[in-house]
Structures are given as C-alpha cells and as structure tokens.
Amino acid sequence: MATGVGEARLTEDTEHCDVRQRAGNFERVREAHRQEVAEDYCELIAELIAVTGEARAVDLAERLGVTQATVTKAIARLAREGWVTTQKYRSIFLTPAGAALAERSRTRHQLVKRFLIALGVDAETAEADAEGVEHHVSEATLQAMARFLEARHDGQPA
C-alpha cells in the first residue's frame, strides 16, 4: 500500500503497465487459438479430400466433435481469411494458401509425434499430445526436434 504521493503514482504506473502487458498477452493467446483452429480445419479438410475425395461440413463436425453450426461459423471465418472456398450445396475446398497451411500443420504434427515416440511415449499418447503441441511449439524447438531425430538416424525425413 502506497503511503506517499510519489509511491502512489509509481504504483499506479506499474499497475497500468502490467495491465497493458497482460492485455497484450491475452490478445496473443486469443490469436494463437484462432490460428490453431485454422490449422486444424485446413489439415482435416486436406485429409478428408485425400481420403474421400471431398470435405463436407457434416464430416468435419463429426471428426472434430462439434456441431455443424460451429463448423459453419468456422468455415465462414476461414473463407473470409482466404483459407477455404465454399459453394452452396457443395464441398469445402482449400485455397492454395489453405493447402499450404494444411501441409505445414501436418508436417509439424508428424515431427512432434515422431519426437515424442523417440522419447519413449507410446504412439497413441504421442498422437494425442502432438495435436496440442504442434500449434504452440516454436520454430526453434521444431528445428531442435528435427536435429535430435536426424542424430538418431531414425530413417525418416525431419
């Protein structure tokens, strides 16, 4: 608790700075979550197209464990941001930017999964953990994981 005028001002300035910093941190986390959703959707759309020849909202909802309304809202945002295109009563298509995002996400996921397995994590757990880690790990850490796997000569490209 501040007792003098100078101390009170210092406390207010410090609290104000801390508030701005915290707000900035929360904004970065929200943006990271938005990007995570885009990556997950694009990766799943690419997978569905590769396996079944099309990506439908009902299939996305089923595989993501969300409602079709949630998928519709997410797809509308992805379309506004240039990741996908849609046409009424048609499948969902990736734009070139969306396809590139899906490939980057898939590559990150596979690298993290291989790294966790190399550490001794069972494949099922590694798959589940990689789904979260892939979105939040830094490029520097990914490169370190790749170097680790290359040094082990695990026979797969990093």
N, C-alpha and C. Protein backbone atom coordinates (compact mmCIF):
# COMPACT_ATOMS: atom_id res chain seq x y z
N MET A 1 0.85 -1.17 0.00
CA MET A 1 0.00 0.00 0.00
C MET A 1 0.89 1.23 0.00
N ALA A 2 0.64 2.15 -0.88
CA ALA A 2 1.45 3.36 -1.00
C ALA A 2 1.10 4.34 0.10
N THR A 3 2.16 4.99 0.63
CA THR A 3 1.91 5.96 1.70
C THR A 3 2.10 7.38 1.25
N GLY A 4 2.94 7.62 0.27
CA GLY A 4 3.19 8.98 -0.21
C GLY A 4 2.68 9.16 -1.62
N VAL A 5 2.65 10.43 -2.08
CA VAL A 5 2.15 10.75 -3.41
C VAL A 5 3.02 10.09 -4.47
N GLY A 6 4.34 10.17 -4.32
CA GLY A 6 5.25 9.56 -5.28
C GLY A 6 5.08 8.06 -5.35
N GLU A 7 4.92 7.44 -4.20
CA GLU A 7 4.72 6.00 -4.17
C GLU A 7 3.39 5.62 -4.83
N ALA A 8 2.36 6.42 -4.59
CA ALA A 8 1.05 6.13 -5.18
C ALA A 8 1.14 6.20 -6.70
N ARG A 9 1.84 7.22 -7.22
CA ARG A 9 1.95 7.35 -8.68
C ARG A 9 2.75 6.19 -9.26
N LEU A 10 3.84 5.79 -8.60
CA LEU A 10 4.65 4.67 -9.06
C LEU A 10 3.81 3.40 -9.09
N THR A 11 3.01 3.18 -8.06
CA THR A 11 2.16 2.00 -8.01
C THR A 11 1.14 2.03 -9.14
N GLU A 12 0.51 3.19 -9.38
CA GLU A 12 -0.47 3.31 -10.46
C GLU A 12 0.19 3.06 -11.82
N ASP A 13 1.38 3.67 -12.06
CA ASP A 13 2.08 3.48 -13.32
C ASP A 13 2.45 2.02 -13.53
N THR A 14 2.94 1.38 -12.47
CA THR A 14 3.33 -0.02 -12.55
C THR A 14 2.11 -0.90 -12.82
N GLU A 15 1.01 -0.65 -12.12
CA GLU A 15 -0.20 -1.43 -12.33
C GLU A 15 -0.73 -1.21 -13.75
N HIS A 16 -0.69 0.04 -14.24
CA HIS A 16 -1.18 0.35 -15.58
C HIS A 16 -0.34 -0.37 -16.63
N CYS A 17 0.97 -0.35 -16.45
CA CYS A 17 1.86 -1.05 -17.39
C CYS A 17 1.58 -2.54 -17.36
N ASP A 18 1.39 -3.09 -16.15
CA ASP A 18 1.12 -4.51 -16.01
C ASP A 18 -0.20 -4.87 -16.68
N VAL A 19 -1.19 -4.01 -16.57
CA VAL A 19 -2.49 -4.25 -17.19
C VAL A 19 -2.34 -4.31 -18.70
N ARG A 20 -1.61 -3.35 -19.28
CA ARG A 20 -1.40 -3.34 -20.73
C ARG A 20 -0.65 -4.59 -21.19
N GLN A 21 0.36 -4.96 -20.43
CA GLN A 21 1.15 -6.14 -20.78
C GLN A 21 0.27 -7.39 -20.71
N ARG A 22 -0.52 -7.50 -19.66
CA ARG A 22 -1.40 -8.67 -19.53
C ARG A 22 -2.42 -8.70 -20.66
N ALA A 23 -2.96 -7.55 -21.00
CA ALA A 23 -3.93 -7.49 -22.10
C ALA A 23 -3.27 -7.95 -23.40
N GLY A 24 -2.04 -7.52 -23.63
CA GLY A 24 -1.30 -7.94 -24.81
C GLY A 24 -1.06 -9.44 -24.81
N ASN A 25 -0.74 -9.99 -23.64
CA ASN A 25 -0.54 -11.43 -23.54
C ASN A 25 -1.81 -12.19 -23.86
N PHE A 26 -2.94 -11.72 -23.34
CA PHE A 26 -4.21 -12.38 -23.62
C PHE A 26 -4.56 -12.28 -25.10
N GLU A 27 -4.27 -11.15 -25.71
CA GLU A 27 -4.54 -10.97 -27.14
C GLU A 27 -3.71 -11.95 -27.96
N ARG A 28 -2.44 -12.14 -27.60
CA ARG A 28 -1.60 -13.10 -28.32
C ARG A 28 -2.13 -14.53 -28.17
N VAL A 29 -2.62 -14.87 -26.99
CA VAL A 29 -3.17 -16.21 -26.77
C VAL A 29 -4.44 -16.39 -27.61
N ARG A 30 -5.31 -15.38 -27.65
CA ARG A 30 -6.52 -15.47 -28.47
C ARG A 30 -6.16 -15.65 -29.95
N GLU A 31 -5.18 -14.90 -30.42
CA GLU A 31 -4.76 -15.02 -31.82
C GLU A 31 -4.16 -16.40 -32.08
N ALA A 32 -3.40 -16.93 -31.12
CA ALA A 32 -2.82 -18.28 -31.28
C ALA A 32 -3.94 -19.32 -31.38
N HIS A 33 -5.00 -19.15 -30.60
CA HIS A 33 -6.13 -20.09 -30.67
C HIS A 33 -6.86 -19.98 -32.00
N ARG A 34 -7.01 -18.76 -32.52
CA ARG A 34 -7.64 -18.58 -33.83
C ARG A 34 -6.81 -19.28 -34.90
N GLN A 35 -5.49 -19.13 -34.83
CA GLN A 35 -4.61 -19.78 -35.80
C GLN A 35 -4.67 -21.29 -35.65
N GLU A 36 -4.76 -21.76 -34.41
CA GLU A 36 -4.85 -23.20 -34.15
C GLU A 36 -6.10 -23.78 -34.81
N VAL A 37 -7.22 -23.09 -34.70
CA VAL A 37 -8.46 -23.55 -35.32
C VAL A 37 -8.29 -23.60 -36.84
N ALA A 38 -7.70 -22.55 -37.41
CA ALA A 38 -7.48 -22.53 -38.87
C ALA A 38 -6.61 -23.70 -39.29
N GLU A 39 -5.53 -23.97 -38.55
CA GLU A 39 -4.64 -25.07 -38.88
C GLU A 39 -5.36 -26.41 -38.79
N ASP A 40 -6.11 -26.61 -37.71
CA ASP A 40 -6.83 -27.88 -37.53
C ASP A 40 -7.85 -28.11 -38.64
N TYR A 41 -8.62 -27.09 -38.96
CA TYR A 41 -9.63 -27.23 -40.01
C TYR A 41 -8.97 -27.49 -41.37
N CYS A 42 -7.96 -26.71 -41.71
CA CYS A 42 -7.31 -26.89 -43.02
C CYS A 42 -6.66 -28.26 -43.12
N GLU A 43 -6.02 -28.70 -42.05
CA GLU A 43 -5.39 -30.02 -42.05
C GLU A 43 -6.44 -31.12 -42.23
N LEU A 44 -7.56 -31.00 -41.53
CA LEU A 44 -8.60 -32.01 -41.63
C LEU A 44 -9.28 -31.97 -43.01
N ILE A 45 -9.50 -30.78 -43.54
CA ILE A 45 -10.09 -30.67 -44.88
C ILE A 45 -9.19 -31.35 -45.90
N ALA A 46 -7.89 -31.10 -45.83
CA ALA A 46 -6.94 -31.73 -46.75
C ALA A 46 -6.98 -33.25 -46.62
N GLU A 47 -7.04 -33.72 -45.38
CA GLU A 47 -7.08 -35.16 -45.13
C GLU A 47 -8.36 -35.78 -45.70
N LEU A 48 -9.49 -35.13 -45.48
CA LEU A 48 -10.76 -35.64 -46.00
C LEU A 48 -10.76 -35.69 -47.52
N ILE A 49 -10.25 -34.64 -48.14
CA ILE A 49 -10.19 -34.61 -49.60
C ILE A 49 -9.30 -35.73 -50.11
N ALA A 50 -8.16 -35.95 -49.45
CA ALA A 50 -7.24 -37.01 -49.89
C ALA A 50 -7.85 -38.40 -49.72
N VAL A 51 -8.60 -38.60 -48.65
CA VAL A 51 -9.13 -39.94 -48.34
C VAL A 51 -10.46 -40.20 -49.02
N THR A 52 -11.36 -39.22 -49.00
CA THR A 52 -12.72 -39.46 -49.50
C THR A 52 -13.04 -38.71 -50.79
N GLY A 53 -12.16 -37.78 -51.18
CA GLY A 53 -12.40 -37.00 -52.38
C GLY A 53 -13.16 -35.71 -52.15
N GLU A 54 -13.64 -35.51 -50.93
CA GLU A 54 -14.36 -34.27 -50.61
C GLU A 54 -14.34 -34.00 -49.12
N ALA A 55 -14.59 -32.75 -48.78
CA ALA A 55 -14.69 -32.35 -47.38
C ALA A 55 -16.05 -31.69 -47.19
N ARG A 56 -16.88 -32.32 -46.37
CA ARG A 56 -18.21 -31.80 -46.10
C ARG A 56 -18.29 -31.34 -44.65
N ALA A 57 -19.13 -30.35 -44.40
CA ALA A 57 -19.29 -29.81 -43.06
C ALA A 57 -19.69 -30.90 -42.07
N VAL A 58 -20.57 -31.80 -42.47
CA VAL A 58 -21.01 -32.86 -41.58
C VAL A 58 -19.84 -33.76 -41.17
N ASP A 59 -18.92 -34.02 -42.09
CA ASP A 59 -17.75 -34.85 -41.78
C ASP A 59 -16.79 -34.11 -40.85
N LEU A 60 -16.62 -32.83 -41.08
CA LEU A 60 -15.77 -32.03 -40.19
C LEU A 60 -16.34 -32.03 -38.78
N ALA A 61 -17.64 -31.79 -38.67
CA ALA A 61 -18.29 -31.76 -37.35
C ALA A 61 -18.11 -33.07 -36.61
N GLU A 62 -18.31 -34.17 -37.33
CA GLU A 62 -18.17 -35.49 -36.72
C GLU A 62 -16.75 -35.73 -36.21
N ARG A 63 -15.77 -35.42 -37.05
CA ARG A 63 -14.38 -35.70 -36.68
C ARG A 63 -13.83 -34.74 -35.64
N LEU A 64 -14.35 -33.53 -35.59
CA LEU A 64 -13.90 -32.55 -34.60
C LEU A 64 -14.71 -32.60 -33.31
N GLY A 65 -15.83 -33.33 -33.34
CA GLY A 65 -16.67 -33.43 -32.14
C GLY A 65 -17.38 -32.13 -31.81
N VAL A 66 -17.80 -31.41 -32.85
CA VAL A 66 -18.52 -30.14 -32.67
C VAL A 66 -19.80 -30.19 -33.49
N THR A 67 -20.64 -29.18 -33.32
CA THR A 67 -21.89 -29.13 -34.07
C THR A 67 -21.64 -28.61 -35.47
N GLN A 68 -22.60 -28.87 -36.36
CA GLN A 68 -22.49 -28.34 -37.72
C GLN A 68 -22.54 -26.81 -37.70
N ALA A 69 -23.26 -26.25 -36.75
CA ALA A 69 -23.31 -24.78 -36.64
C ALA A 69 -21.92 -24.23 -36.32
N THR A 70 -21.19 -24.91 -35.47
CA THR A 70 -19.83 -24.49 -35.14
C THR A 70 -18.95 -24.57 -36.38
N VAL A 71 -19.08 -25.65 -37.14
CA VAL A 71 -18.30 -25.81 -38.37
C VAL A 71 -18.66 -24.71 -39.37
N THR A 72 -19.94 -24.45 -39.53
CA THR A 72 -20.38 -23.43 -40.47
C THR A 72 -19.79 -22.07 -40.12
N LYS A 73 -19.80 -21.73 -38.86
CA LYS A 73 -19.22 -20.46 -38.41
C LYS A 73 -17.71 -20.42 -38.67
N ALA A 74 -17.02 -21.52 -38.35
CA ALA A 74 -15.57 -21.58 -38.56
C ALA A 74 -15.23 -21.51 -40.04
N ILE A 75 -15.98 -22.21 -40.87
CA ILE A 75 -15.71 -22.21 -42.31
C ILE A 75 -15.95 -20.81 -42.89
N ALA A 76 -16.97 -20.13 -42.42
CA ALA A 76 -17.22 -18.75 -42.88
C ALA A 76 -16.03 -17.86 -42.56
N ARG A 77 -15.48 -18.02 -41.36
CA ARG A 77 -14.30 -17.22 -40.99
C ARG A 77 -13.10 -17.60 -41.84
N LEU A 78 -12.89 -18.90 -42.05
CA LEU A 78 -11.76 -19.35 -42.88
C LEU A 78 -11.90 -18.84 -44.31
N ALA A 79 -13.12 -18.78 -44.81
CA ALA A 79 -13.35 -18.25 -46.17
C ALA A 79 -13.02 -16.75 -46.21
N ARG A 80 -13.45 -16.00 -45.19
CA ARG A 80 -13.13 -14.56 -45.12
C ARG A 80 -11.63 -14.32 -45.07
N GLU A 81 -10.91 -15.24 -44.42
CA GLU A 81 -9.47 -15.08 -44.25
C GLU A 81 -8.67 -15.69 -45.41
N GLY A 82 -9.38 -16.27 -46.38
CA GLY A 82 -8.71 -16.75 -47.58
C GLY A 82 -8.14 -18.15 -47.51
N TRP A 83 -8.55 -18.96 -46.54
CA TRP A 83 -8.02 -20.32 -46.40
C TRP A 83 -8.84 -21.34 -47.18
N VAL A 84 -10.17 -21.10 -47.31
CA VAL A 84 -11.06 -22.05 -47.98
C VAL A 84 -12.03 -21.31 -48.90
N THR A 85 -12.64 -22.08 -49.78
CA THR A 85 -13.75 -21.57 -50.58
C THR A 85 -14.91 -22.55 -50.43
N THR A 86 -16.10 -22.02 -50.55
CA THR A 86 -17.29 -22.86 -50.45
C THR A 86 -18.30 -22.40 -51.49
N GLN A 87 -19.17 -23.34 -51.84
CA GLN A 87 -20.31 -23.03 -52.69
C GLN A 87 -21.51 -23.73 -52.07
N LYS A 88 -22.65 -23.11 -52.17
CA LYS A 88 -23.85 -23.68 -51.58
C LYS A 88 -24.07 -25.10 -52.12
N TYR A 89 -24.34 -26.02 -51.20
CA TYR A 89 -24.60 -27.43 -51.51
C TYR A 89 -23.40 -28.15 -52.15
N ARG A 90 -22.21 -27.63 -51.92
CA ARG A 90 -21.00 -28.26 -52.45
C ARG A 90 -20.03 -28.52 -51.30
N SER A 91 -18.97 -29.20 -51.62
CA SER A 91 -17.92 -29.48 -50.62
C SER A 91 -17.15 -28.21 -50.28
N ILE A 92 -16.26 -28.35 -49.34
CA ILE A 92 -15.37 -27.27 -48.92
C ILE A 92 -14.03 -27.51 -49.61
N PHE A 93 -13.46 -26.44 -50.14
CA PHE A 93 -12.20 -26.55 -50.87
C PHE A 93 -11.15 -25.66 -50.24
N LEU A 94 -9.91 -26.12 -50.22
CA LEU A 94 -8.80 -25.30 -49.73
C LEU A 94 -8.31 -24.38 -50.85
N THR A 95 -7.99 -23.17 -50.48
CA THR A 95 -7.29 -22.28 -51.42
C THR A 95 -5.83 -22.72 -51.43
N PRO A 96 -5.02 -22.20 -52.34
CA PRO A 96 -3.59 -22.52 -52.27
C PRO A 96 -2.98 -22.17 -50.91
N ALA A 97 -3.39 -21.05 -50.34
CA ALA A 97 -2.88 -20.67 -49.01
C ALA A 97 -3.35 -21.67 -47.96
N GLY A 98 -4.60 -22.12 -48.06
CA GLY A 98 -5.12 -23.12 -47.12
C GLY A 98 -4.42 -24.45 -47.25
N ALA A 99 -4.13 -24.85 -48.48
CA ALA A 99 -3.40 -26.10 -48.71
C ALA A 99 -1.99 -26.03 -48.12
N ALA A 100 -1.35 -24.87 -48.28
CA ALA A 100 0.00 -24.70 -47.72
C ALA A 100 -0.05 -24.73 -46.19
N LEU A 101 -1.07 -24.09 -45.60
CA LEU A 101 -1.23 -24.11 -44.15
C LEU A 101 -1.46 -25.54 -43.66
N ALA A 102 -2.30 -26.29 -44.37
CA ALA A 102 -2.56 -27.69 -44.00
C ALA A 102 -1.29 -28.52 -44.04
N GLU A 103 -0.48 -28.32 -45.06
CA GLU A 103 0.76 -29.08 -45.19
C GLU A 103 1.75 -28.73 -44.08
N ARG A 104 1.89 -27.44 -43.78
CA ARG A 104 2.78 -27.02 -42.67
C ARG A 104 2.31 -27.63 -41.36
N SER A 105 1.01 -27.61 -41.12
CA SER A 105 0.47 -28.15 -39.89
C SER A 105 0.69 -29.66 -39.81
N ARG A 106 0.45 -30.36 -40.91
CA ARG A 106 0.65 -31.81 -40.94
C ARG A 106 2.12 -32.16 -40.69
N THR A 107 3.02 -31.41 -41.30
CA THR A 107 4.45 -31.65 -41.13
C THR A 107 4.87 -31.42 -39.68
N ARG A 108 4.38 -30.34 -39.08
CA ARG A 108 4.69 -30.05 -37.67
C ARG A 108 4.17 -31.18 -36.78
N HIS A 109 2.94 -31.60 -37.05
CA HIS A 109 2.31 -32.65 -36.26
C HIS A 109 3.15 -33.93 -36.32
N GLN A 110 3.55 -34.33 -37.52
CA GLN A 110 4.32 -35.56 -37.68
C GLN A 110 5.68 -35.46 -36.98
N LEU A 111 6.32 -34.31 -37.08
CA LEU A 111 7.61 -34.12 -36.43
C LEU A 111 7.48 -34.23 -34.91
N VAL A 112 6.50 -33.56 -34.34
CA VAL A 112 6.29 -33.61 -32.88
C VAL A 112 5.96 -35.04 -32.46
N LYS A 113 5.10 -35.71 -33.21
CA LYS A 113 4.74 -37.08 -32.88
C LYS A 113 5.97 -38.00 -32.91
N ARG A 114 6.77 -37.90 -33.95
CA ARG A 114 7.98 -38.73 -34.06
C ARG A 114 8.94 -38.45 -32.91
N PHE A 115 9.06 -37.17 -32.54
CA PHE A 115 9.94 -36.79 -31.45
C PHE A 115 9.46 -37.43 -30.13
N LEU A 116 8.16 -37.33 -29.86
CA LEU A 116 7.63 -37.90 -28.63
C LEU A 116 7.81 -39.42 -28.59
N ILE A 117 7.61 -40.06 -29.71
CA ILE A 117 7.82 -41.51 -29.78
C ILE A 117 9.29 -41.84 -29.54
N ALA A 118 10.19 -41.02 -30.09
CA ALA A 118 11.63 -41.24 -29.87
C ALA A 118 11.99 -41.10 -28.39
N LEU A 119 11.23 -40.30 -27.66
CA LEU A 119 11.45 -40.14 -26.22
C LEU A 119 10.90 -41.30 -25.41
N GLY A 120 10.13 -42.18 -26.07
CA GLY A 120 9.58 -43.33 -25.37
C GLY A 120 8.09 -43.24 -25.11
N VAL A 121 7.43 -42.20 -25.60
CA VAL A 121 5.99 -42.08 -25.43
C VAL A 121 5.30 -43.05 -26.39
N ASP A 122 4.27 -43.75 -25.92
CA ASP A 122 3.57 -44.69 -26.79
C ASP A 122 2.88 -43.92 -27.92
N ALA A 123 2.66 -44.61 -29.04
CA ALA A 123 2.16 -43.96 -30.26
C ALA A 123 0.81 -43.27 -30.06
N GLU A 124 -0.09 -43.89 -29.33
CA GLU A 124 -1.42 -43.30 -29.11
C GLU A 124 -1.32 -42.00 -28.32
N THR A 125 -0.54 -42.01 -27.26
CA THR A 125 -0.36 -40.81 -26.45
C THR A 125 0.38 -39.74 -27.25
N ALA A 126 1.40 -40.15 -28.00
CA ALA A 126 2.16 -39.19 -28.82
C ALA A 126 1.25 -38.52 -29.83
N GLU A 127 0.35 -39.27 -30.44
CA GLU A 127 -0.61 -38.71 -31.40
C GLU A 127 -1.48 -37.65 -30.73
N ALA A 128 -2.02 -37.97 -29.57
CA ALA A 128 -2.89 -37.04 -28.86
C ALA A 128 -2.12 -35.80 -28.40
N ASP A 129 -0.93 -35.99 -27.85
CA ASP A 129 -0.14 -34.86 -27.36
C ASP A 129 0.34 -33.98 -28.50
N ALA A 130 0.71 -34.60 -29.61
CA ALA A 130 1.21 -33.83 -30.75
C ALA A 130 0.14 -32.87 -31.26
N GLU A 131 -1.12 -33.25 -31.14
CA GLU A 131 -2.22 -32.40 -31.61
C GLU A 131 -2.22 -31.05 -30.91
N GLY A 132 -1.85 -31.01 -29.66
CA GLY A 132 -1.81 -29.73 -28.96
C GLY A 132 -0.47 -29.01 -29.11
N VAL A 133 0.60 -29.78 -28.99
CA VAL A 133 1.94 -29.21 -29.02
C VAL A 133 2.26 -28.58 -30.38
N GLU A 134 1.81 -29.20 -31.45
CA GLU A 134 2.17 -28.74 -32.80
C GLU A 134 1.82 -27.27 -33.03
N HIS A 135 0.81 -26.78 -32.36
CA HIS A 135 0.35 -25.41 -32.57
C HIS A 135 1.11 -24.38 -31.73
N HIS A 136 1.76 -24.83 -30.69
CA HIS A 136 2.33 -23.89 -29.73
C HIS A 136 3.84 -23.95 -29.62
N VAL A 137 4.46 -24.90 -30.28
CA VAL A 137 5.91 -25.04 -30.19
C VAL A 137 6.58 -24.06 -31.17
N SER A 138 7.68 -23.50 -30.76
CA SER A 138 8.37 -22.52 -31.60
C SER A 138 9.11 -23.19 -32.75
N GLU A 139 9.42 -22.41 -33.75
CA GLU A 139 10.20 -22.91 -34.89
C GLU A 139 11.57 -23.40 -34.42
N ALA A 140 12.17 -22.68 -33.46
CA ALA A 140 13.48 -23.09 -32.93
C ALA A 140 13.40 -24.47 -32.27
N THR A 141 12.33 -24.70 -31.53
CA THR A 141 12.16 -26.00 -30.88
C THR A 141 11.91 -27.09 -31.92
N LEU A 142 11.12 -26.80 -32.93
CA LEU A 142 10.90 -27.77 -34.01
C LEU A 142 12.21 -28.15 -34.68
N GLN A 143 13.05 -27.16 -34.93
CA GLN A 143 14.34 -27.44 -35.56
C GLN A 143 15.22 -28.30 -34.65
N ALA A 144 15.15 -28.03 -33.34
CA ALA A 144 15.92 -28.85 -32.39
C ALA A 144 15.40 -30.29 -32.38
N MET A 145 14.08 -30.44 -32.45
CA MET A 145 13.50 -31.80 -32.51
C MET A 145 13.97 -32.52 -33.77
N ALA A 146 13.98 -31.83 -34.90
CA ALA A 146 14.42 -32.42 -36.15
C ALA A 146 15.88 -32.83 -36.07
N ARG A 147 16.73 -31.97 -35.50
CA ARG A 147 18.15 -32.31 -35.35
C ARG A 147 18.32 -33.54 -34.46
N PHE A 148 17.55 -33.61 -33.38
CA PHE A 148 17.60 -34.75 -32.48
C PHE A 148 17.26 -36.03 -33.23
N LEU A 149 16.18 -35.98 -34.01
CA LEU A 149 15.77 -37.18 -34.76
C LEU A 149 16.79 -37.55 -35.82
N GLU A 150 17.35 -36.56 -36.49
CA GLU A 150 18.38 -36.84 -37.51
C GLU A 150 19.61 -37.46 -36.87
N ALA A 151 19.98 -37.00 -35.69
CA ALA A 151 21.15 -37.54 -35.00
C ALA A 151 20.92 -39.00 -34.60
N ARG A 152 19.67 -39.34 -34.37
CA ARG A 152 19.33 -40.74 -34.02
C ARG A 152 19.24 -41.62 -35.26
N HIS A 153 19.26 -40.98 -36.44
CA HIS A 153 19.14 -41.71 -37.71
C HIS A 153 17.87 -42.55 -37.73
N ASP A 154 16.75 -41.92 -37.45
CA ASP A 154 15.51 -42.67 -37.39
C ASP A 154 14.97 -43.02 -38.77
N GLY A 155 15.70 -42.63 -39.82
CA GLY A 155 15.36 -43.08 -41.16
C GLY A 155 14.24 -42.33 -41.83
N GLN A 156 13.66 -41.34 -41.17
CA GLN A 156 12.58 -40.57 -41.77
C GLN A 156 13.04 -39.13 -41.92
N PRO A 157 12.58 -38.46 -42.96
CA PRO A 157 12.95 -37.05 -43.11
C PRO A 157 12.37 -36.22 -41.98
N ALA A 158 13.12 -35.23 -41.55
CA ALA A 158 12.64 -34.34 -40.49
C ALA A 158 11.75 -33.35 -41.08
